Amino acid sequence: MDETGRPNGVIASVIRGFWLILQRIKKESEVSRKRKPYPVLEGAAISDVAAEGNAIARVDDMVVFVPYGAPGDIVDIQITKKRKSYAEGRIARIVKPGDVRIAPRCGHFGTCGGCRWQHLPYDVQLRCKHRQVADALVRIAKIELPEISPIKGSENIWEYRNKMEYTFSNKRWLTAEQMTSGVEIPDRDGAGFHIPGAFDKVLDIDCCHLQGRFGNDLRNFVKDYGIRHGLSFYDLRGQAGLLRTLMVRMASTGETMAVMCFGEDDPEAVKAVMDAIRSAFPDITSLMYVINLKVNDTITDQEVILHSGRGYIEEEMEGLRFRIGPKSFYQTNSRQAYELYKVVRDFAGLTGDELVYDLYTGTGTIANFVSRKVRKVVGIEYVPEAIVDARINSSVNGIENTVFYAGDMKDVLNAGFIGRNGHPDVIIVDPPRAGMHADVVQVILDAAPRRIVYVSCNPATQARDLALLDCKYKATAVQPVDMFPHTHHVENVVRLERRD
């Protein structure tokens, strides 16, 4: 209080701030009560499949995007969001299924959100992905394009993932049936996947068909062990609980890795869990754990402790062995990764005398894979641990013509770097989903390699970058590759030749 008995300036400001918040909440509540519920569109026809895995229905002059639709479906759509040019909704009822719709294999389909195309035959999925690539390149890049090669489908469309990450929760997601059944469900502990768009909602998974039996057995074992022994499952809002996450890796060589993440530092309980896993699964190649007390689940900045076995597993490709640690990046579909890398090598047109730059090299998989057919490979990657793996992978395979650098691409790759390492004949780029920074594109243009091979997991950002490169480079080959069956994700490889 000041000398007059009134609140001083700071307190008055705080009080007024709270008053304004209360007034805004009151106003929003009144608006919400007055807002009419969105309508249900009855008998709408699903006409196509769109980006992000959604389906399209056209009702009058409005485009409606809905998940889990199949071309030819006649459905009732509950609108959930409406804009001037489009609306979003969910399928309230399938009046008549389309001819292409099939029964999904997974009992969690429609709730999990991980495999949004299980209701579509695989050949239909491939056609949709091929069109997705073509649409992005034509609509965004607006460049002269060669004929796009038929998409390379995955030999295995089930149990193809070599890496899965599961989350433990003390408040597992309840389905609509469970919530309306009237039956009390006191046990809410579960292990599975985050519900799309909800960081604190985890769907308990019985079986995931994207990874082999080992992953499902291990996850269910840890969950059952925790329940039997009264261990605390992680509270995603309260940020507390012992059992937090589990990462499972399975290599094509048969080797396996498990990394158990604990949300509390309880040495006795941690040892008991890890010993139980080793006892139940004695053949695990690499068994490790992390004590993660921070807010997010990432372990890139955490110490990984080896419980037993080796600190890595190995993949194999054309006689090359690739070591994969707990923080390593490796394509999640091992067999299809081989097909992808063969496309990259073929597009690079190597004769044995080239200096190749491999940008966003990760653990150096592509760099080492093409090293036998080049004079030298220079790899650059942001993650220092990945560069350590890349150098190890070269060493264990007796490869001596690779060199790797760690750092932010836009900072490392510059004229000085090229002056020290030589002007590349070929540049291979495999950036993250966001694509390349404009500075990186400019350095590539200045370096003027004869050929660029652009690998992308996001055709939209790839198309944007191709438009920037078009001033000096012409696209001469395009090859989509499906790495992720039953999802809308697709890899695409484009070869660019310098305009001389």
Protein backbone atom coordinates (compact mmCIF):
# COMPACT_ATOMS: atom_id res chain seq x y z
CA MET A 1 0.00 0.00 0.00
CA ASP A 2 1.09 3.58 -0.55
CA GLU A 3 0.67 6.32 2.01
CA THR A 4 -3.00 6.84 1.06
CA GLY A 5 -3.88 3.18 1.69
CA ARG A 6 -4.35 2.35 -1.99
CA PRO A 7 -2.56 -0.54 -3.74
CA ASN A 8 0.80 0.48 -5.12
CA GLY A 9 1.43 0.47 -8.89
CA VAL A 10 2.72 -3.11 -9.18
CA ILE A 11 -0.13 -4.66 -7.18
CA ALA A 12 -2.71 -2.57 -9.01
CA SER A 13 -1.30 -3.74 -12.33
CA VAL A 14 -1.50 -7.38 -11.26
CA ILE A 15 -5.09 -6.98 -10.05
CA ARG A 16 -6.12 -5.32 -13.29
CA GLY A 17 -4.41 -8.10 -15.26
CA PHE A 18 -6.45 -10.76 -13.43
CA TRP A 19 -9.63 -8.73 -13.96
CA LEU A 20 -9.00 -8.53 -17.71
CA ILE A 21 -8.38 -12.28 -17.88
CA LEU A 22 -11.64 -12.99 -16.07
CA GLN A 23 -13.53 -10.66 -18.41
CA ARG A 24 -12.06 -12.39 -21.46
CA ILE A 25 -12.97 -15.84 -20.13
CA LYS A 26 -16.52 -14.62 -19.44
CA LYS A 27 -16.83 -13.19 -22.96
CA GLU A 28 -15.47 -16.34 -24.60
CA SER A 29 -17.87 -18.45 -22.55
CA GLU A 30 -20.82 -16.32 -23.67
CA VAL A 31 -19.74 -16.57 -27.33
CA SER A 32 -19.33 -20.33 -26.99
CA ARG A 33 -22.87 -20.70 -25.61
CA LYS A 34 -24.29 -18.65 -28.46
CA ARG A 35 -22.33 -20.48 -31.20
CA LYS A 36 -24.43 -22.91 -33.17
CA PRO A 37 -23.08 -26.45 -33.41
CA TYR A 38 -21.52 -27.35 -36.73
CA PRO A 39 -23.81 -29.35 -39.00
CA VAL A 40 -23.68 -32.99 -40.05
CA LEU A 41 -23.40 -33.37 -43.82
CA GLU A 42 -25.41 -36.44 -44.73
CA GLY A 43 -24.67 -38.66 -47.70
CA ALA A 44 -21.44 -36.94 -48.73
CA ALA A 45 -19.29 -38.71 -51.34
CA ILE A 46 -15.56 -39.16 -50.74
CA SER A 47 -13.97 -38.32 -54.07
CA ASP A 48 -10.22 -38.51 -53.51
CA VAL A 49 -7.29 -38.71 -51.12
CA ALA A 50 -5.48 -35.48 -50.25
CA ALA A 51 -2.29 -34.41 -48.53
CA GLU A 52 -1.50 -35.39 -44.92
CA GLY A 53 -3.47 -38.61 -45.37
CA ASN A 54 -6.90 -36.98 -45.38
CA ALA A 55 -9.70 -37.72 -47.82
CA ILE A 56 -11.74 -35.13 -49.74
CA ALA A 57 -15.47 -34.66 -50.03
CA ARG A 58 -17.02 -31.87 -52.09
CA VAL A 59 -20.37 -30.65 -50.81
CA ASP A 60 -21.94 -27.88 -52.87
CA ASP A 61 -19.09 -25.37 -53.28
CA MET A 62 -17.21 -26.46 -50.17
CA VAL A 63 -14.24 -28.81 -49.91
CA VAL A 64 -14.27 -30.94 -46.75
CA PHE A 65 -11.20 -32.77 -45.46
CA VAL A 66 -11.78 -35.90 -43.36
CA PRO A 67 -9.43 -38.61 -42.09
CA TYR A 68 -9.99 -42.32 -42.75
CA GLY A 69 -12.08 -41.86 -45.87
CA ALA A 70 -11.73 -43.97 -49.02
CA PRO A 71 -12.63 -42.91 -52.57
CA GLY A 72 -16.20 -43.97 -53.33
CA ASP A 73 -17.36 -43.93 -49.71
CA ILE A 74 -20.77 -42.40 -49.00
CA VAL A 75 -20.59 -40.97 -45.49
CA ASP A 76 -22.18 -38.65 -42.98
CA ILE A 77 -19.62 -36.02 -41.94
CA GLN A 78 -19.66 -34.14 -38.66
CA ILE A 79 -18.05 -30.77 -39.37
CA THR A 80 -15.49 -29.84 -36.69
CA LYS A 81 -13.94 -26.71 -38.22
CA LYS A 82 -15.18 -24.34 -40.88
CA ARG A 83 -13.32 -21.74 -42.91
CA LYS A 84 -14.28 -19.63 -45.91
CA SER A 85 -12.81 -21.95 -48.54
CA TYR A 86 -12.87 -25.32 -46.81
CA ALA A 87 -14.02 -27.29 -43.79
CA GLU A 88 -12.66 -30.13 -41.68
CA GLY A 89 -14.66 -32.95 -40.20
CA ARG A 90 -14.83 -36.56 -39.12
CA ILE A 91 -16.82 -39.47 -40.46
CA ALA A 92 -19.84 -39.92 -38.19
CA ARG A 93 -21.22 -42.87 -40.17
CA ILE A 94 -20.28 -44.84 -43.26
CA VAL A 95 -23.51 -45.07 -45.24
CA LYS A 96 -21.97 -47.14 -48.00
CA PRO A 97 -18.29 -48.13 -48.24
CA GLY A 98 -16.49 -47.50 -51.50
CA ASP A 99 -15.29 -50.36 -53.67
CA VAL A 100 -11.64 -49.83 -52.74
CA ARG A 101 -12.17 -49.80 -48.96
CA ILE A 102 -10.74 -52.83 -47.15
CA ALA A 103 -10.84 -53.95 -43.52
CA PRO A 104 -7.87 -52.57 -41.57
CA ARG A 105 -5.61 -55.15 -39.98
CA CYS A 106 -5.04 -53.28 -36.71
CA GLY A 107 -7.64 -53.15 -33.95
CA HIS A 108 -6.37 -49.69 -32.97
CA PHE A 109 -7.00 -48.23 -36.44
CA GLY A 110 -8.85 -44.92 -36.29
CA THR A 111 -7.71 -44.10 -32.76
CA CYS A 112 -3.93 -44.53 -32.87
CA GLY A 113 -3.45 -42.23 -35.85
CA GLY A 114 -0.18 -43.84 -36.90
CA CYS A 115 -1.39 -45.78 -39.95
CA ARG A 116 -4.12 -43.69 -41.52
CA TRP A 117 -4.24 -45.65 -44.77
CA GLN A 118 -4.73 -49.20 -43.53
CA HIS A 119 -8.21 -49.15 -45.06
CA LEU A 120 -6.72 -48.64 -48.55
CA PRO A 121 -5.20 -51.46 -50.64
CA TYR A 122 -1.45 -51.06 -51.02
CA ASP A 123 -1.62 -50.42 -54.76
CA VAL A 124 -4.05 -47.55 -54.08
CA GLN A 125 -1.67 -46.16 -51.44
CA LEU A 126 1.16 -46.20 -53.97
CA ARG A 127 -0.91 -44.39 -56.59
CA CYS A 128 -1.82 -41.71 -54.04
CA LYS A 129 1.82 -41.23 -53.04
CA HIS A 130 2.96 -41.03 -56.65
CA ARG A 131 0.36 -38.36 -57.30
CA GLN A 132 1.37 -36.52 -54.12
CA VAL A 133 4.93 -36.23 -55.43
CA ALA A 134 3.78 -35.15 -58.88
CA ASP A 135 1.36 -32.55 -57.48
CA ALA A 136 4.03 -31.01 -55.25
CA LEU A 137 6.63 -30.77 -58.01
CA VAL A 138 4.20 -29.33 -60.55
CA ARG A 139 2.28 -27.01 -58.25
CA ILE A 140 5.15 -25.69 -56.11
CA ALA A 141 8.35 -26.10 -58.11
CA LYS A 142 6.82 -25.01 -61.44
CA ILE A 143 9.87 -26.29 -63.32
CA GLU A 144 10.39 -28.44 -66.38
CA LEU A 145 10.15 -32.06 -65.27
CA PRO A 146 11.01 -35.41 -66.78
CA GLU A 147 8.51 -38.25 -66.62
CA ILE A 148 8.25 -39.36 -62.99
CA SER A 149 9.26 -43.01 -62.62
CA PRO A 150 6.76 -45.45 -61.07
CA ILE A 151 7.04 -45.44 -57.30
CA LYS A 152 9.13 -48.19 -55.73
CA GLY A 153 6.86 -50.04 -53.31
CA SER A 154 8.06 -51.72 -50.13
CA GLU A 155 8.60 -55.47 -50.24
CA ASN A 156 7.28 -55.73 -46.69
CA ILE A 157 4.21 -53.69 -45.81
CA TRP A 158 3.92 -55.11 -42.27
CA GLU A 159 6.56 -55.39 -39.56
CA TYR A 160 8.92 -53.23 -41.59
CA ARG A 161 9.97 -50.69 -38.95
CA ASN A 162 13.36 -51.24 -37.32
CA LYS A 163 12.71 -48.61 -34.64
CA MET A 164 9.70 -47.84 -32.43
CA GLU A 165 9.26 -45.61 -29.39
CA TYR A 166 6.57 -46.28 -26.80
CA THR A 167 5.33 -44.09 -23.95
CA PHE A 168 4.14 -45.22 -20.52
CA SER A 169 1.27 -43.30 -18.94
CA ASN A 170 -0.71 -43.46 -15.71
CA LYS A 171 -3.77 -42.05 -17.50
CA ARG A 172 -4.15 -44.04 -20.67
CA TRP A 173 -6.62 -42.86 -23.28
CA LEU A 174 -10.11 -44.31 -23.01
CA THR A 175 -12.03 -45.06 -26.17
CA ALA A 176 -15.50 -43.62 -26.73
CA GLU A 177 -16.98 -47.06 -25.99
CA GLN A 178 -15.14 -47.28 -22.66
CA MET A 179 -16.18 -43.78 -21.61
CA THR A 180 -19.86 -44.38 -22.40
CA SER A 181 -20.04 -47.95 -21.08
CA GLY A 182 -20.78 -46.87 -17.51
CA VAL A 183 -18.15 -49.33 -16.26
CA GLU A 184 -15.60 -47.85 -13.88
CA ILE A 185 -12.01 -48.35 -15.08
CA PRO A 186 -9.75 -47.88 -12.06
CA ASP A 187 -6.60 -49.17 -13.79
CA ARG A 188 -5.41 -46.46 -16.17
CA ASP A 189 -1.76 -47.53 -16.56
CA GLY A 190 -0.80 -48.24 -20.16
CA ALA A 191 1.95 -48.20 -22.77
CA GLY A 192 1.65 -47.19 -26.39
CA PHE A 193 1.49 -44.13 -28.62
CA HIS A 194 0.50 -40.50 -28.13
CA ILE A 195 -2.92 -39.61 -29.47
CA PRO A 196 -2.48 -37.18 -32.42
CA GLY A 197 -2.59 -33.57 -31.28
CA ALA A 198 -2.56 -34.42 -27.55
CA PHE A 199 0.81 -34.62 -25.82
CA ASP A 200 -0.68 -35.97 -22.58
CA LYS A 201 -2.90 -38.69 -24.12
CA VAL A 202 -1.46 -42.17 -24.66
CA LEU A 203 -3.33 -45.03 -26.30
CA ASP A 204 -2.56 -48.42 -24.75
CA ILE A 205 -1.41 -50.76 -27.53
CA ASP A 206 -1.92 -54.52 -27.54
CA CYS A 207 -0.12 -55.15 -30.82
CA CYS A 208 1.49 -52.86 -33.38
CA HIS A 209 1.82 -54.50 -36.79
CA LEU A 210 4.58 -52.17 -37.95
CA GLN A 211 7.32 -53.85 -35.89
CA GLY A 212 8.07 -57.51 -35.32
CA ARG A 213 7.02 -59.63 -32.39
CA PHE A 214 10.02 -58.72 -30.24
CA GLY A 215 8.92 -55.09 -29.92
CA ASN A 216 5.38 -55.99 -28.89
CA ASP A 217 6.51 -58.67 -26.46
CA LEU A 218 9.03 -56.38 -24.80
CA ARG A 219 6.62 -53.45 -24.42
CA ASN A 220 3.89 -55.65 -22.98
CA PHE A 221 6.37 -57.33 -20.63
CA VAL A 222 7.55 -54.02 -19.15
CA LYS A 223 3.95 -52.80 -18.81
CA ASP A 224 2.81 -56.00 -17.06
CA TYR A 225 5.91 -56.04 -14.86
CA GLY A 226 5.24 -52.46 -13.78
CA ILE A 227 1.60 -53.19 -12.92
CA ARG A 228 2.43 -56.39 -11.02
CA HIS A 229 5.11 -54.68 -8.94
CA GLY A 230 3.20 -51.47 -8.30
CA LEU A 231 5.65 -49.24 -10.19
CA SER A 232 4.52 -45.73 -11.07
CA PHE A 233 3.74 -45.03 -14.72
CA TYR A 234 4.65 -41.56 -15.97
CA ASP A 235 2.24 -38.69 -15.38
CA LEU A 236 2.62 -36.57 -18.52
CA ARG A 237 1.10 -33.50 -16.89
CA GLY A 238 2.61 -33.87 -13.45
CA GLN A 239 6.02 -34.81 -14.90
CA ALA A 240 6.56 -37.66 -12.45
CA GLY A 241 6.65 -41.44 -12.52
CA LEU A 242 9.25 -44.19 -12.90
CA LEU A 243 8.35 -45.88 -16.21
CA ARG A 244 8.55 -43.23 -18.93
CA THR A 245 9.47 -44.43 -22.45
CA LEU A 246 10.90 -47.43 -24.27
CA MET A 247 12.81 -47.42 -27.56
CA VAL A 248 13.13 -50.70 -29.45
CA ARG A 249 15.44 -51.24 -32.42
CA MET A 250 15.52 -54.38 -34.57
CA ALA A 251 18.21 -54.75 -37.24
CA SER A 252 17.92 -56.83 -40.40
CA THR A 253 20.90 -58.78 -39.05
CA GLY A 254 18.71 -60.08 -36.20
CA GLU A 255 20.35 -57.91 -33.57
CA THR A 256 18.12 -56.03 -31.13
CA MET A 257 18.40 -52.98 -28.89
CA ALA A 258 16.22 -51.75 -26.02
CA VAL A 259 16.60 -48.37 -24.32
CA MET A 260 14.41 -47.98 -21.24
CA CYS A 261 13.82 -44.41 -20.07
CA PHE A 262 12.99 -43.71 -16.41
CA GLY A 263 11.40 -40.51 -15.12
CA GLU A 264 12.72 -40.94 -11.57
CA ASP A 265 16.21 -41.59 -10.23
CA ASP A 266 15.51 -44.70 -8.17
CA PRO A 267 18.59 -46.96 -8.53
CA GLU A 268 17.01 -49.98 -6.82
CA ALA A 269 13.82 -49.91 -8.91
CA VAL A 270 15.74 -49.20 -12.12
CA LYS A 271 18.07 -52.14 -11.54
CA ALA A 272 15.13 -54.44 -10.84
CA VAL A 273 13.39 -53.47 -14.09
CA MET A 274 16.54 -53.82 -16.19
CA ASP A 275 17.46 -57.15 -14.62
CA ALA A 276 13.93 -58.42 -15.26
CA ILE A 277 14.14 -57.42 -18.93
CA ARG A 278 17.51 -59.16 -19.33
CA SER A 279 16.18 -62.28 -17.65
CA ALA A 280 13.05 -62.42 -19.82
CA PHE A 281 14.87 -61.51 -23.05
CA PRO A 282 18.39 -62.96 -22.75
CA ASP A 283 19.13 -62.56 -26.46
CA ILE A 284 18.92 -58.74 -26.53
CA THR A 285 22.11 -57.52 -28.17
CA SER A 286 22.15 -54.12 -26.51
CA LEU A 287 20.25 -53.26 -23.31
CA MET A 288 20.53 -49.69 -22.02
CA TYR A 289 18.68 -47.13 -19.94
CA VAL A 290 18.36 -43.39 -19.37
CA ILE A 291 17.36 -41.37 -16.31
CA ASN A 292 15.44 -38.48 -17.86
CA LEU A 293 14.27 -35.88 -15.35
CA LYS A 294 13.67 -33.07 -17.83
CA VAL A 295 10.35 -32.02 -19.37
CA ASN A 296 10.64 -33.49 -22.88
CA ASP A 297 11.25 -37.11 -23.88
CA THR A 298 14.27 -36.62 -26.16
CA ILE A 299 17.43 -38.41 -25.07
CA THR A 300 19.89 -36.69 -27.41
CA ASP A 301 21.19 -34.60 -24.50
CA GLN A 302 21.01 -37.39 -21.92
CA GLU A 303 23.53 -39.96 -20.71
CA VAL A 304 22.71 -43.45 -21.98
CA ILE A 305 23.89 -46.13 -19.56
CA LEU A 306 24.75 -49.62 -20.77
CA HIS A 307 23.15 -52.29 -18.61
CA SER A 308 24.38 -55.32 -20.56
CA GLY A 309 25.49 -56.39 -24.01
CA ARG A 310 27.07 -54.03 -26.53
CA GLY A 311 26.50 -50.30 -26.84
CA TYR A 312 25.31 -50.66 -30.43
CA ILE A 313 23.72 -52.98 -32.96
CA GLU A 314 24.73 -53.44 -36.59
CA GLU A 315 22.92 -53.26 -39.92
CA GLU A 316 24.34 -54.76 -43.11
CA MET A 317 24.18 -53.55 -46.69
CA GLU A 318 26.21 -55.01 -49.59
CA GLY A 319 28.74 -56.39 -47.13
CA LEU A 320 29.11 -53.08 -45.29
CA ARG A 321 28.36 -53.04 -41.56
CA PHE A 322 26.73 -49.97 -40.03
CA ARG A 323 26.88 -49.46 -36.28
CA ILE A 324 23.73 -47.97 -34.78
CA GLY A 325 23.80 -46.52 -31.29
CA PRO A 326 20.88 -45.36 -29.13
CA LYS A 327 21.08 -41.82 -30.59
CA SER A 328 21.90 -42.79 -34.18
CA PHE A 329 19.67 -42.00 -37.14
CA TYR A 330 19.06 -44.85 -39.55
CA GLN A 331 16.24 -45.19 -42.05
CA THR A 332 13.41 -47.00 -40.23
CA ASN A 333 12.70 -49.43 -43.08
CA SER A 334 15.98 -51.33 -43.49
CA ARG A 335 15.18 -53.23 -46.68
CA GLN A 336 13.66 -50.23 -48.39
CA ALA A 337 16.59 -48.06 -47.31
CA TYR A 338 18.77 -50.27 -49.49
CA GLU A 339 16.49 -49.61 -52.47
CA LEU A 340 16.61 -45.88 -51.75
CA TYR A 341 20.40 -45.78 -51.54
CA LYS A 342 20.74 -47.73 -54.80
CA VAL A 343 18.64 -45.04 -56.50
CA VAL A 344 20.87 -42.33 -55.02
CA ARG A 345 24.03 -44.07 -56.19
CA ASP A 346 22.59 -44.64 -59.66
CA PHE A 347 21.45 -41.01 -60.00
CA ALA A 348 24.91 -39.79 -58.91
CA GLY A 349 26.40 -41.40 -62.04
CA LEU A 350 29.69 -42.24 -60.35
CA THR A 351 32.76 -43.30 -62.33
CA GLY A 352 35.34 -43.60 -59.54
CA ASP A 353 37.05 -40.22 -59.79
CA GLU A 354 34.47 -37.91 -58.23
CA LEU A 355 34.70 -35.73 -55.15
CA VAL A 356 31.27 -36.07 -53.53
CA TYR A 357 29.74 -33.91 -50.82
CA ASP A 358 27.11 -35.71 -48.72
CA LEU A 359 25.13 -33.00 -46.95
CA TYR A 360 23.01 -33.92 -43.92
CA THR A 361 25.00 -37.16 -43.85
CA GLY A 362 23.61 -38.44 -40.53
CA THR A 363 25.66 -41.48 -39.51
CA GLY A 364 27.32 -41.50 -42.93
CA THR A 365 25.24 -44.33 -44.38
CA ILE A 366 24.99 -42.86 -47.89
CA ALA A 367 28.56 -41.55 -47.76
CA ASN A 368 29.97 -44.96 -46.91
CA PHE A 369 27.59 -46.71 -49.30
CA VAL A 370 28.87 -44.73 -52.33
CA SER A 371 32.52 -44.53 -51.16
CA ARG A 372 33.65 -47.55 -53.19
CA LYS A 373 32.76 -45.77 -56.43
CA VAL A 374 34.29 -42.32 -55.78
CA ARG A 375 37.63 -40.69 -55.12
CA LYS A 376 36.51 -39.06 -51.86
CA VAL A 377 33.37 -38.27 -49.87
CA VAL A 378 32.97 -35.23 -47.60
CA GLY A 379 30.05 -35.53 -45.16
CA ILE A 380 28.48 -32.78 -43.05
CA GLU A 381 25.94 -33.30 -40.25
CA TYR A 382 24.52 -31.14 -37.44
CA VAL A 383 24.55 -33.82 -34.69
CA PRO A 384 28.08 -34.45 -33.32
CA GLU A 385 27.19 -37.96 -32.08
CA ALA A 386 26.11 -38.89 -35.59
CA ILE A 387 29.47 -37.80 -36.99
CA VAL A 388 31.21 -40.00 -34.42
CA ASP A 389 29.08 -42.92 -35.71
CA ALA A 390 29.88 -42.00 -39.32
CA ARG A 391 33.62 -42.11 -38.66
CA ILE A 392 33.27 -45.42 -36.81
CA ASN A 393 31.28 -46.87 -39.70
CA SER A 394 34.04 -45.91 -42.11
CA SER A 395 36.67 -47.38 -39.82
CA VAL A 396 34.99 -50.74 -39.19
CA ASN A 397 34.51 -51.18 -42.93
CA GLY A 398 38.08 -50.22 -43.80
CA ILE A 399 36.92 -47.15 -45.73
CA GLU A 400 39.66 -44.51 -45.91
CA ASN A 401 38.32 -42.03 -48.48
CA THR A 402 35.68 -40.34 -46.29
CA VAL A 403 35.92 -37.31 -44.04
CA PHE A 404 33.15 -35.97 -41.81
CA TYR A 405 32.42 -32.60 -40.22
CA ALA A 406 29.89 -31.66 -37.51
CA GLY A 407 28.02 -28.36 -37.42
CA ASP A 408 25.06 -26.38 -38.66
CA MET A 409 24.98 -26.77 -42.44
CA LYS A 410 24.47 -23.07 -43.19
CA ASP A 411 27.48 -22.23 -40.99
CA VAL A 412 29.85 -25.03 -42.05
CA LEU A 413 29.23 -25.10 -45.79
CA ASN A 414 30.70 -21.90 -47.18
CA ALA A 415 33.26 -20.77 -49.73
CA GLY A 416 36.12 -21.26 -47.27
CA PHE A 417 35.05 -24.84 -46.53
CA ILE A 418 34.91 -25.64 -50.25
CA GLY A 419 38.30 -24.02 -50.75
CA ARG A 420 39.83 -26.30 -48.12
CA ASN A 421 38.05 -29.51 -49.15
CA GLY A 422 37.84 -29.06 -52.91
CA HIS A 423 35.05 -28.26 -55.35
CA PRO A 424 32.57 -31.16 -55.48
CA ASP A 425 31.72 -32.97 -58.69
CA VAL A 426 28.52 -34.33 -57.15
CA ILE A 427 26.50 -33.13 -54.16
CA ILE A 428 24.04 -35.45 -52.42
CA VAL A 429 21.56 -33.77 -50.09
CA ASP A 430 19.13 -35.47 -47.71
CA PRO A 431 17.79 -32.65 -45.50
CA PRO A 432 15.15 -32.83 -42.75
CA ARG A 433 11.47 -32.20 -43.55
CA ALA A 434 11.99 -28.43 -43.51
CA GLY A 435 14.28 -28.69 -46.53
CA MET A 436 17.44 -26.65 -47.09
CA HIS A 437 18.22 -23.21 -45.72
CA ALA A 438 18.39 -20.57 -48.45
CA ASP A 439 22.07 -19.95 -47.59
CA VAL A 440 22.86 -23.62 -48.21
CA VAL A 441 21.09 -23.49 -51.58
CA GLN A 442 23.17 -20.47 -52.56
CA VAL A 443 26.46 -22.14 -51.58
CA ILE A 444 25.49 -25.18 -53.68
CA LEU A 445 24.76 -22.89 -56.62
CA ASP A 446 28.13 -21.17 -56.15
CA ALA A 447 29.94 -24.51 -55.88
CA ALA A 448 28.39 -25.51 -59.22
CA PRO A 449 28.79 -29.32 -59.07
CA ARG A 450 28.02 -31.20 -62.29
CA ARG A 451 25.22 -33.10 -60.61
CA ILE A 452 23.00 -32.85 -57.54
CA VAL A 453 21.03 -35.76 -56.07
CA TYR A 454 18.26 -34.49 -53.80
CA VAL A 455 16.67 -36.99 -51.39
CA SER A 456 13.62 -35.76 -49.51
CA CYS A 457 10.99 -37.00 -47.06
CA ASN A 458 8.85 -33.94 -47.86
CA PRO A 459 8.09 -33.38 -51.56
CA ALA A 460 6.65 -29.93 -50.80
CA THR A 461 9.87 -28.45 -49.37
CA GLN A 462 11.88 -30.36 -51.95
CA ALA A 463 9.83 -28.68 -54.69
CA ARG A 464 10.48 -25.26 -53.12
CA ASP A 465 14.24 -25.91 -53.16
CA LEU A 466 14.17 -27.26 -56.72
CA ALA A 467 12.63 -23.97 -57.83
CA LEU A 468 15.59 -22.13 -56.28
CA LEU A 469 18.09 -24.43 -58.00
CA ASP A 470 16.36 -24.26 -61.37
CA CYS A 471 18.33 -21.20 -62.45
CA LYS A 472 21.41 -23.40 -62.95
CA TYR A 473 20.09 -26.98 -62.79
CA LYS A 474 17.61 -29.05 -64.75
CA ALA A 475 15.72 -31.98 -63.23
CA THR A 476 16.51 -35.06 -65.32
CA ALA A 477 15.11 -37.92 -63.21
CA VAL A 478 12.52 -38.33 -60.45
CA GLN A 479 12.07 -41.52 -58.41
CA PRO A 480 9.56 -41.79 -55.53
CA VAL A 481 10.27 -44.53 -52.97
CA ASP A 482 7.75 -45.75 -50.41
CA MET A 483 9.45 -46.24 -47.05
CA PHE A 484 6.32 -46.13 -44.87
CA PRO A 485 3.37 -48.31 -46.00
CA HIS A 486 -0.06 -47.41 -44.56
CA THR A 487 1.00 -43.79 -43.98
CA HIS A 488 0.94 -40.80 -46.34
CA HIS A 489 4.70 -40.28 -46.02
CA VAL A 490 6.88 -40.81 -49.09
CA GLU A 491 10.54 -40.34 -49.99
CA ASN A 492 11.48 -38.80 -53.32
CA VAL A 493 14.80 -38.65 -55.17
CA VAL A 494 15.51 -36.07 -57.89
CA ARG A 495 18.58 -35.88 -60.10
CA LEU A 496 19.65 -32.40 -61.19
CA GLU A 497 22.14 -31.75 -64.01
CA ARG A 498 24.01 -28.47 -64.39
CA ARG A 499 22.88 -26.31 -67.29
CA ASP A 500 26.12 -25.76 -69.27
